[in-house]
Amino acid sequence: MTAQRIEGKAISDAIRIEIGEETAKLSALGIQPGLAVVLVGEDPASKVYVGSKEKACQQLGFYSEVHRLSGDTSQEELLALIDKLNNQSTIHGILVQLPLPKHIDEKSVIDAISAAKDVDGFHPVSVGNLVIGDDSLLPCTPAGVIELIKRTVGSIAGKHAVVIGRSNIVGKPVSMLLLRENATVTICHSRTANMEEIARTADILVVAIGKAKAIGSKYVKPGAVVIDVGINRLEDGKLAGDVDYEDVLETAGYVTPVPGGVGPMTITMLMLNTLKAAKQQHAIQE
């Protein structure tokens, strides 16, 4: 039996309708969620992402600012802008598009963003809250992965989840979020022995390693939910995930395509974080 394709765009659209309804309620109270995006330099992929974020803000009725800075902007200038945005009442969320030019220290920049406005979920306070289970703004891609799973198969509790990849951006936080949903979680990485064997025990397999089509059907338990977070450009210019989509189709129960799976969820979760930050900063109860 062929796996069911998890349509990230459809799930993302459903969440955006919910965000729109909540935004209308805030608007009635005279509050407009506000997001500031900062782009330093001319990275082509970053420019595309920033454009998508700007468009999402317009569609949802958010206030939006995009600060496009030249590649030779100094770290001091960037930190001064972040300080200004931290203190700007119309801005509830701040996102500095990564990667930054080599002469700017990413950690210093992330640390400078107010934890209350950290809609990327990268600030050490946000990460600490995630680990101990306190309420916080969650990293967008991992939060999107959880929504995809829950809205596709329902409860995650009691299931065995295997995460392949241990990055700070996806692997570690998605593992923490799966634990929060009461899954039993195993993390695999480049030094893991018997990875195929371990992966085949997973009811839920999340892959985020940055290698095109690295994970095939021999890693997949029949009927498993396979979430492919990878996005790689092939020599022919096409996009491919870390999972060999065609190969796993006959084994998996559900699988995300690339593109069109996890990708659409990331910006939607960013919008959800901005909405949440606006509510928190105006002391509106969830």
Protein backbone atom coordinates (compact mmCIF):
# COMPACT_ATOMS: atom_id res chain seq x y z
CA MET A 1 0.00 0.00 0.00
CA THR A 2 1.32 3.43 -0.93
CA ALA A 3 2.00 5.90 1.88
CA GLN A 4 -0.33 8.82 2.40
CA ARG A 5 1.30 12.11 1.46
CA ILE A 6 1.22 14.69 4.28
CA GLU A 7 0.22 17.96 2.65
CA GLY A 8 2.05 20.66 4.59
CA LYS A 9 0.42 23.42 2.56
CA ALA A 10 -3.13 22.30 3.46
CA ILE A 11 -2.30 21.97 7.18
CA SER A 12 -0.47 25.31 7.10
CA ASP A 13 -3.47 26.99 5.45
CA ALA A 14 -5.79 25.60 8.15
CA ILE A 15 -3.56 27.03 10.91
CA ARG A 16 -3.42 30.39 9.11
CA ILE A 17 -7.22 30.57 9.17
CA GLU A 18 -7.05 30.07 12.96
CA ILE A 19 -4.34 32.78 13.22
CA GLY A 20 -6.53 35.14 11.15
CA GLU A 21 -9.47 34.63 13.52
CA GLU A 22 -7.29 35.37 16.56
CA THR A 23 -5.77 38.42 14.84
CA ALA A 24 -9.27 39.80 14.21
CA LYS A 25 -10.07 39.44 17.94
CA LEU A 26 -6.88 41.35 18.84
CA SER A 27 -7.68 43.99 16.22
CA ALA A 28 -11.02 44.60 17.99
CA LEU A 29 -8.94 45.44 21.09
CA GLY A 30 -6.76 47.83 19.09
CA ILE A 31 -3.78 45.46 18.94
CA GLN A 32 -1.99 44.53 15.70
CA PRO A 33 0.68 41.80 15.95
CA GLY A 34 3.98 43.24 14.69
CA LEU A 35 7.00 41.42 13.24
CA ALA A 36 10.39 42.92 12.38
CA VAL A 37 12.67 40.94 10.08
CA VAL A 38 16.32 41.96 9.71
CA LEU A 39 18.29 40.88 6.64
CA VAL A 40 22.03 41.57 6.46
CA GLY A 41 23.67 41.13 3.05
CA GLU A 42 22.54 39.63 -0.23
CA ASP A 43 22.15 35.90 0.41
CA PRO A 44 19.67 34.80 -2.34
CA ALA A 45 17.89 32.13 -0.26
CA SER A 46 17.53 34.54 2.67
CA LYS A 47 16.00 37.18 0.37
CA VAL A 48 13.36 34.66 -0.76
CA TYR A 49 12.55 33.68 2.86
CA VAL A 50 12.26 37.31 3.92
CA GLY A 51 9.89 38.03 1.01
CA SER A 52 7.71 35.07 2.07
CA LYS A 53 7.56 36.34 5.65
CA GLU A 54 6.60 39.83 4.47
CA LYS A 55 3.81 38.38 2.32
CA ALA A 56 2.49 36.21 5.19
CA CYS A 57 2.29 39.30 7.44
CA GLN A 58 0.28 41.17 4.80
CA GLN A 59 -2.13 38.26 4.32
CA LEU A 60 -2.76 37.89 8.06
CA GLY A 61 -3.12 41.60 8.83
CA PHE A 62 0.09 41.84 10.84
CA TYR A 63 2.21 44.98 11.07
CA SER A 64 5.52 44.26 9.36
CA GLU A 65 8.92 45.90 9.14
CA VAL A 66 11.80 44.59 7.02
CA HIS A 67 15.22 46.06 7.68
CA ARG A 68 17.53 45.30 4.73
CA LEU A 69 21.11 46.10 5.72
CA SER A 70 24.21 45.97 3.52
CA GLY A 71 26.66 43.10 3.90
CA ASP A 72 29.29 45.40 5.42
CA THR A 73 27.02 46.51 8.29
CA SER A 74 29.00 46.32 11.54
CA GLN A 75 28.01 44.14 14.48
CA GLU A 76 27.59 47.31 16.59
CA GLU A 77 25.11 48.77 14.06
CA LEU A 78 23.11 45.53 14.00
CA LEU A 79 23.02 45.32 17.80
CA ALA A 80 21.89 48.96 17.99
CA LEU A 81 18.98 48.16 15.62
CA ILE A 82 18.00 45.13 17.73
CA ASP A 83 18.06 47.29 20.88
CA LYS A 84 15.75 49.79 19.17
CA LEU A 85 13.33 47.02 18.09
CA ASN A 86 13.41 45.47 21.60
CA ASN A 87 12.04 48.79 22.88
CA GLN A 88 9.53 49.43 20.07
CA SER A 89 5.97 48.78 21.26
CA THR A 90 4.56 48.11 17.75
CA ILE A 91 7.00 45.20 17.32
CA HIS A 92 6.15 41.97 19.17
CA GLY A 93 8.53 39.65 17.33
CA ILE A 94 12.08 40.09 16.01
CA LEU A 95 13.74 37.75 13.56
CA VAL A 96 17.30 38.19 12.31
CA GLN A 97 17.69 36.12 9.14
CA LEU A 98 20.57 33.62 9.34
CA PRO A 99 23.25 33.06 8.15
CA LEU A 100 24.93 36.40 8.96
CA PRO A 101 28.10 37.69 7.27
CA LYS A 102 31.32 36.18 8.69
CA HIS A 103 32.36 39.32 10.60
CA ILE A 104 29.21 39.23 12.77
CA ASP A 105 28.96 36.83 15.73
CA GLU A 106 25.61 35.01 15.45
CA LYS A 107 25.46 34.11 19.15
CA SER A 108 25.88 37.74 20.24
CA VAL A 109 23.05 38.76 17.92
CA ILE A 110 20.65 36.01 19.05
CA ASP A 111 21.44 36.75 22.71
CA ALA A 112 20.68 40.47 22.14
CA ILE A 113 17.07 39.83 21.05
CA SER A 114 14.60 40.15 23.93
CA ALA A 115 13.43 36.64 24.92
CA ALA A 116 9.85 38.00 24.90
CA LYS A 117 10.26 38.88 21.19
CA ASP A 118 12.33 35.83 20.19
CA VAL A 119 9.92 34.42 17.60
CA ASP A 120 12.66 32.16 16.18
CA GLY A 121 12.93 30.36 19.53
CA PHE A 122 16.75 30.49 19.47
CA HIS A 123 17.45 32.65 22.55
CA PRO A 124 19.08 30.71 25.45
CA VAL A 125 16.08 31.55 27.68
CA SER A 126 13.68 30.13 25.06
CA VAL A 127 15.82 27.00 24.70
CA GLY A 128 16.01 26.58 28.48
CA ASN A 129 12.22 26.91 28.80
CA LEU A 130 11.77 24.34 26.03
CA VAL A 131 14.01 21.84 27.84
CA ILE A 132 12.37 22.21 31.26
CA GLY A 133 8.87 22.31 29.78
CA ASP A 134 7.96 25.89 30.67
CA ASP A 135 5.86 27.97 28.31
CA SER A 136 7.97 29.71 25.65
CA LEU A 137 8.11 30.72 22.01
CA LEU A 138 9.02 27.49 20.22
CA PRO A 139 11.48 27.14 17.32
CA CYS A 140 9.37 27.32 14.18
CA THR A 141 10.42 24.26 12.16
CA PRO A 142 10.32 21.79 15.10
CA ALA A 143 6.95 23.20 16.22
CA GLY A 144 5.71 22.80 12.64
CA VAL A 145 6.82 19.16 12.62
CA ILE A 146 4.77 18.46 15.77
CA GLU A 147 1.68 20.13 14.27
CA LEU A 148 2.03 18.07 11.06
CA ILE A 149 2.17 14.83 13.05
CA LYS A 150 -0.69 15.68 15.42
CA ARG A 151 -2.98 16.94 12.68
CA THR A 152 -2.26 13.83 10.59
CA VAL A 153 -2.31 10.93 13.09
CA GLY A 154 -3.60 12.49 16.31
CA SER A 155 -1.92 11.73 19.63
CA ILE A 156 1.84 11.16 19.77
CA ALA A 157 1.73 9.77 23.35
CA GLY A 158 3.26 6.32 23.79
CA LYS A 159 4.71 6.17 20.27
CA HIS A 160 8.40 5.56 19.62
CA ALA A 161 9.93 8.51 17.77
CA VAL A 162 13.39 8.34 16.22
CA VAL A 163 15.05 11.62 15.25
CA ILE A 164 17.98 11.38 12.83
CA GLY A 165 20.07 14.52 13.33
CA ARG A 166 21.09 16.46 16.45
CA SER A 167 21.37 20.09 15.30
CA ASN A 168 20.39 22.95 17.59
CA ILE A 169 17.97 24.17 14.91
CA VAL A 170 15.93 20.97 14.41
CA GLY A 171 17.22 17.69 15.88
CA LYS A 172 17.52 18.66 19.55
CA PRO A 173 14.40 20.87 19.83
CA VAL A 174 12.14 18.47 17.92
CA SER A 175 13.29 15.68 20.26
CA MET A 176 12.32 17.82 23.27
CA LEU A 177 8.91 18.61 21.76
CA LEU A 178 8.26 14.92 21.04
CA LEU A 179 9.13 14.15 24.69
CA ARG A 180 6.69 16.86 25.75
CA GLU A 181 4.01 15.02 23.74
CA ASN A 182 4.88 11.85 25.73
CA ALA A 183 6.64 9.97 22.95
CA THR A 184 9.59 7.70 23.72
CA VAL A 185 12.45 9.41 21.87
CA THR A 186 15.70 8.09 20.41
CA ILE A 187 18.19 10.48 18.79
CA CYS A 188 20.50 9.12 16.06
CA HIS A 189 23.44 10.97 14.50
CA SER A 190 26.61 10.44 12.45
CA ARG A 191 28.25 8.36 15.23
CA THR A 192 25.25 6.12 15.89
CA ALA A 193 25.89 2.39 15.47
CA ASN A 194 23.10 0.27 13.89
CA MET A 195 21.17 3.32 12.74
CA GLU A 196 19.06 1.37 10.22
CA GLU A 197 18.05 -1.09 12.91
CA ILE A 198 17.11 1.67 15.37
CA ALA A 199 15.22 3.70 12.75
CA ARG A 200 13.16 0.64 11.81
CA THR A 201 11.71 0.55 15.34
CA ALA A 202 10.21 4.05 14.93
CA ASP A 203 6.49 4.72 14.76
CA ILE A 204 7.52 8.31 13.91
CA LEU A 205 10.76 8.98 12.01
CA VAL A 206 11.99 12.59 11.77
CA VAL A 207 14.98 13.18 9.49
CA ALA A 208 17.09 16.36 9.52
CA ILE A 209 20.66 15.69 8.37
CA GLY A 210 21.17 17.81 5.25
CA LYS A 211 22.05 14.95 2.86
CA ALA A 212 19.87 14.43 -0.19
CA LYS A 213 17.96 11.12 -0.30
CA ALA A 214 20.20 9.61 2.43
CA ILE A 215 17.36 7.71 4.16
CA GLY A 216 15.59 4.98 2.20
CA SER A 217 13.03 2.26 2.89
CA LYS A 218 15.49 0.06 4.82
CA TYR A 219 15.30 2.66 7.62
CA VAL A 220 11.49 2.67 7.74
CA LYS A 221 9.15 0.49 9.81
CA PRO A 222 6.05 -0.51 7.78
CA GLY A 223 3.29 2.02 8.41
CA ALA A 224 5.58 4.60 10.08
CA VAL A 225 5.06 8.37 9.90
CA VAL A 226 8.11 9.81 8.07
CA ILE A 227 8.81 13.54 8.42
CA ASP A 228 11.52 14.86 6.11
CA VAL A 229 12.92 18.21 7.29
CA GLY A 230 15.78 18.28 4.76
CA ILE A 231 15.87 20.52 1.73
CA ASN A 232 18.71 20.01 -0.74
CA ARG A 233 19.24 21.30 -4.27
CA LEU A 234 20.26 18.57 -6.71
CA GLU A 235 22.62 19.05 -9.66
CA ASP A 236 19.64 19.32 -12.03
CA GLY A 237 18.33 22.24 -9.95
CA LYS A 238 15.42 20.27 -8.41
CA LEU A 239 14.80 20.14 -4.67
CA ALA A 240 15.04 16.90 -2.69
CA GLY A 241 14.70 15.99 0.95
CA ASP A 242 16.95 13.89 3.17
CA VAL A 243 14.53 10.99 2.63
CA ASP A 244 14.37 9.11 -0.68
CA TYR A 245 10.66 9.85 -1.14
CA GLU A 246 9.98 7.38 -3.97
CA ASP A 247 11.84 4.59 -2.18
CA VAL A 248 9.93 4.88 1.10
CA LEU A 249 6.46 5.26 -0.45
CA GLU A 250 5.65 1.54 -0.36
CA THR A 251 6.82 1.09 3.25
CA ALA A 252 5.78 4.20 5.18
CA GLY A 253 2.22 4.89 6.30
CA TYR A 254 2.57 8.65 5.93
CA VAL A 255 5.37 10.75 4.42
CA THR A 256 6.05 14.46 3.84
CA PRO A 257 7.09 15.52 0.34
CA VAL A 258 9.89 18.00 -0.41
CA PRO A 259 8.94 20.63 -1.31
CA GLY A 260 5.43 20.98 0.15
CA GLY A 261 5.79 19.16 3.47
CA VAL A 262 7.54 20.78 6.42
CA GLY A 263 8.51 23.94 4.46
CA PRO A 264 5.11 25.71 4.45
CA MET A 265 4.78 25.09 8.20
CA THR A 266 7.87 27.07 9.22
CA ILE A 267 6.59 30.53 8.27
CA THR A 268 3.11 29.71 9.59
CA MET A 269 4.59 28.81 13.00
CA LEU A 270 6.57 32.07 12.90
CA MET A 271 3.27 33.92 12.47
CA LEU A 272 1.76 31.90 15.33
CA ASN A 273 4.72 32.85 17.55
CA THR A 274 4.28 36.54 16.66
CA LEU A 275 0.59 36.34 17.56
CA LYS A 276 1.43 34.60 20.85
CA ALA A 277 4.14 37.19 21.65
CA ALA A 278 1.64 40.03 20.99
CA LYS A 279 -0.87 38.43 23.39
CA GLN A 280 1.79 37.93 26.07
CA GLN A 281 3.13 41.47 25.78
CA HIS A 282 -0.39 42.86 26.13
CA ALA A 283 -1.15 40.43 29.00
CA ILE A 284 -4.02 38.75 27.11
CA GLN A 285 -4.76 35.28 28.43
CA GLU A 286 -4.59 32.39 25.95
